[in-house]
Amino acid sequence: MSKFEVYADEVGGYHFRLRARNGQIIAVSRSYKSKEGCLKGIQSVKSSATGARIVILEERLETD
């Protein structure tokens, strides 16, 4: 079963990562100031992503 892991960073912020069933990390959050904010971020992802569409942003090649 996939899982969200919440962890503290070295400067006192909180992050979450989403692990797939096989243990691979498939998403990492930004830094949150509080653990409660981090947990709200997880809830937001869980509720917002169920019907999320995929948008492919085309890369622009720069030439000299």
N, C-alpha and C. Protein backbone atom coordinates (compact mmCIF):
# COMPACT_ATOMS: atom_id res chain seq x y z
N MET A 1 0.84 -1.18 0.00
CA MET A 1 0.00 0.00 0.00
C MET A 1 0.89 1.24 0.00
N SER A 2 0.54 2.25 -0.78
CA SER A 2 1.32 3.48 -0.79
C SER A 2 1.13 4.22 0.54
N LYS A 3 2.06 5.12 0.85
CA LYS A 3 1.97 5.84 2.12
C LYS A 3 2.61 7.21 2.01
N PHE A 4 2.11 8.15 2.82
CA PHE A 4 2.72 9.46 3.00
C PHE A 4 3.62 9.39 4.23
N GLU A 5 4.83 9.91 4.11
CA GLU A 5 5.76 9.99 5.25
C GLU A 5 6.00 11.46 5.55
N VAL A 6 5.86 11.84 6.82
CA VAL A 6 6.11 13.20 7.28
C VAL A 6 7.43 13.21 8.02
N TYR A 7 8.27 14.19 7.70
CA TYR A 7 9.57 14.26 8.37
C TYR A 7 10.02 15.71 8.51
N ALA A 8 10.86 15.95 9.51
CA ALA A 8 11.40 17.29 9.78
C ALA A 8 12.73 17.45 9.06
N ASP A 9 13.00 18.67 8.60
CA ASP A 9 14.29 18.94 7.98
C ASP A 9 15.24 19.57 8.99
N GLU A 10 16.44 19.87 8.56
CA GLU A 10 17.47 20.36 9.48
C GLU A 10 17.25 21.79 9.95
N VAL A 11 16.32 22.53 9.34
CA VAL A 11 16.07 23.92 9.75
C VAL A 11 14.70 24.10 10.40
N GLY A 12 14.08 22.99 10.80
CA GLY A 12 12.83 23.06 11.56
C GLY A 12 11.56 23.02 10.73
N GLY A 13 11.67 22.83 9.44
CA GLY A 13 10.49 22.71 8.59
C GLY A 13 10.03 21.26 8.49
N TYR A 14 8.85 21.08 7.92
CA TYR A 14 8.30 19.75 7.74
C TYR A 14 8.01 19.49 6.26
N HIS A 15 8.21 18.28 5.84
CA HIS A 15 7.98 17.84 4.46
C HIS A 15 7.20 16.55 4.51
N PHE A 16 6.59 16.22 3.36
CA PHE A 16 6.05 14.87 3.21
C PHE A 16 6.55 14.31 1.89
N ARG A 17 6.62 13.01 1.86
CA ARG A 17 6.91 12.31 0.61
C ARG A 17 5.90 11.19 0.47
N LEU A 18 5.58 10.89 -0.76
CA LEU A 18 4.65 9.82 -1.06
C LEU A 18 5.44 8.65 -1.61
N ARG A 19 5.29 7.50 -0.98
CA ARG A 19 5.98 6.29 -1.43
C ARG A 19 4.98 5.34 -2.07
N ALA A 20 5.38 4.76 -3.20
CA ALA A 20 4.57 3.76 -3.88
C ALA A 20 4.63 2.45 -3.09
N ARG A 21 3.83 1.51 -3.50
CA ARG A 21 3.80 0.20 -2.83
C ARG A 21 5.16 -0.47 -2.80
N ASN A 22 5.97 -0.24 -3.84
CA ASN A 22 7.28 -0.88 -3.90
C ASN A 22 8.36 -0.10 -3.13
N GLY A 23 7.99 0.98 -2.46
CA GLY A 23 8.92 1.76 -1.67
C GLY A 23 9.55 2.93 -2.39
N GLN A 24 9.32 3.05 -3.69
CA GLN A 24 9.89 4.14 -4.47
C GLN A 24 9.19 5.45 -4.11
N ILE A 25 9.98 6.52 -3.97
CA ILE A 25 9.43 7.85 -3.72
C ILE A 25 8.87 8.38 -5.03
N ILE A 26 7.59 8.78 -5.02
CA ILE A 26 6.97 9.28 -6.25
C ILE A 26 6.57 10.74 -6.16
N ALA A 27 6.62 11.34 -4.98
CA ALA A 27 6.34 12.77 -4.83
C ALA A 27 6.97 13.28 -3.55
N VAL A 28 7.42 14.54 -3.59
CA VAL A 28 8.02 15.19 -2.42
C VAL A 28 7.43 16.59 -2.31
N SER A 29 7.10 17.00 -1.10
CA SER A 29 6.47 18.31 -0.89
C SER A 29 7.49 19.43 -0.73
N ARG A 30 6.95 20.61 -0.71
CA ARG A 30 7.73 21.79 -0.32
C ARG A 30 7.87 21.77 1.19
N SER A 31 8.56 22.74 1.76
CA SER A 31 8.73 22.83 3.20
C SER A 31 7.54 23.56 3.82
N TYR A 32 7.03 23.03 4.92
CA TYR A 32 5.96 23.66 5.68
C TYR A 32 6.54 24.11 7.02
N LYS A 33 6.02 25.21 7.56
CA LYS A 33 6.52 25.73 8.83
C LYS A 33 6.09 24.89 10.03
N SER A 34 4.96 24.19 9.91
CA SER A 34 4.47 23.38 11.03
C SER A 34 4.06 21.99 10.56
N LYS A 35 4.02 21.07 11.50
CA LYS A 35 3.57 19.72 11.18
C LYS A 35 2.10 19.74 10.77
N GLU A 36 1.30 20.59 11.42
CA GLU A 36 -0.11 20.70 11.09
C GLU A 36 -0.30 21.18 9.65
N GLY A 37 0.51 22.15 9.22
CA GLY A 37 0.46 22.63 7.84
C GLY A 37 0.83 21.53 6.86
N CYS A 38 1.79 20.73 7.22
CA CYS A 38 2.22 19.61 6.38
C CYS A 38 1.09 18.59 6.23
N LEU A 39 0.42 18.29 7.34
CA LEU A 39 -0.70 17.35 7.29
C LEU A 39 -1.85 17.89 6.44
N LYS A 40 -2.08 19.21 6.50
CA LYS A 40 -3.09 19.83 5.64
C LYS A 40 -2.69 19.73 4.18
N GLY A 41 -1.39 19.86 3.90
CA GLY A 41 -0.89 19.70 2.54
C GLY A 41 -1.17 18.31 2.00
N ILE A 42 -0.99 17.30 2.83
CA ILE A 42 -1.28 15.93 2.43
C ILE A 42 -2.77 15.79 2.11
N GLN A 43 -3.63 16.33 2.97
CA GLN A 43 -5.07 16.25 2.73
C GLN A 43 -5.46 16.96 1.44
N SER A 44 -4.80 18.07 1.16
CA SER A 44 -5.07 18.80 -0.08
C SER A 44 -4.70 17.98 -1.30
N VAL A 45 -3.55 17.33 -1.26
CA VAL A 45 -3.13 16.47 -2.38
C VAL A 45 -4.10 15.32 -2.54
N LYS A 46 -4.48 14.70 -1.44
CA LYS A 46 -5.38 13.55 -1.51
C LYS A 46 -6.74 13.92 -2.10
N SER A 47 -7.26 15.09 -1.75
CA SER A 47 -8.57 15.47 -2.26
C SER A 47 -8.51 16.10 -3.65
N SER A 48 -7.43 16.80 -3.96
CA SER A 48 -7.34 17.49 -5.25
C SER A 48 -6.89 16.60 -6.40
N ALA A 49 -6.15 15.58 -6.11
CA ALA A 49 -5.53 14.79 -7.17
C ALA A 49 -6.43 13.67 -7.71
N THR A 50 -7.53 13.40 -7.07
CA THR A 50 -8.36 12.28 -7.53
C THR A 50 -8.86 12.46 -8.96
N GLY A 51 -9.18 13.69 -9.34
CA GLY A 51 -9.66 13.93 -10.70
C GLY A 51 -8.71 14.78 -11.51
N ALA A 52 -7.47 14.86 -11.08
CA ALA A 52 -6.51 15.73 -11.75
C ALA A 52 -6.22 15.25 -13.17
N ARG A 53 -6.12 16.18 -14.08
CA ARG A 53 -5.78 15.84 -15.46
C ARG A 53 -4.28 15.96 -15.65
N ILE A 54 -3.79 15.40 -16.70
CA ILE A 54 -2.36 15.45 -17.03
C ILE A 54 -2.17 16.50 -18.11
N VAL A 55 -1.24 17.42 -17.88
CA VAL A 55 -0.90 18.45 -18.85
C VAL A 55 0.59 18.34 -19.13
N ILE A 56 0.93 18.14 -20.39
CA ILE A 56 2.34 18.03 -20.77
C ILE A 56 2.79 19.40 -21.27
N LEU A 57 3.76 19.96 -20.59
CA LEU A 57 4.31 21.25 -20.97
C LEU A 57 5.46 21.01 -21.92
N GLU A 58 5.36 21.58 -23.08
CA GLU A 58 6.38 21.37 -24.10
C GLU A 58 7.66 22.10 -23.71
N GLU A 59 8.77 21.44 -23.93
CA GLU A 59 10.07 22.05 -23.68
C GLU A 59 10.44 22.93 -24.85
N ARG A 60 11.01 24.07 -24.56
CA ARG A 60 11.47 24.95 -25.62
C ARG A 60 12.98 24.80 -25.74
N LEU A 61 13.43 24.53 -26.90
CA LEU A 61 14.86 24.37 -27.15
C LEU A 61 15.46 25.73 -27.47
N GLU A 62 16.53 26.04 -26.78
CA GLU A 62 17.22 27.29 -27.06
C GLU A 62 18.35 27.04 -28.04
N THR A 63 18.52 27.93 -28.97
CA THR A 63 19.61 27.82 -29.91
C THR A 63 20.51 29.04 -29.77
N ASP A 64 21.76 28.84 -30.10
CA ASP A 64 22.73 29.94 -30.01
C ASP A 64 22.64 30.83 -31.21
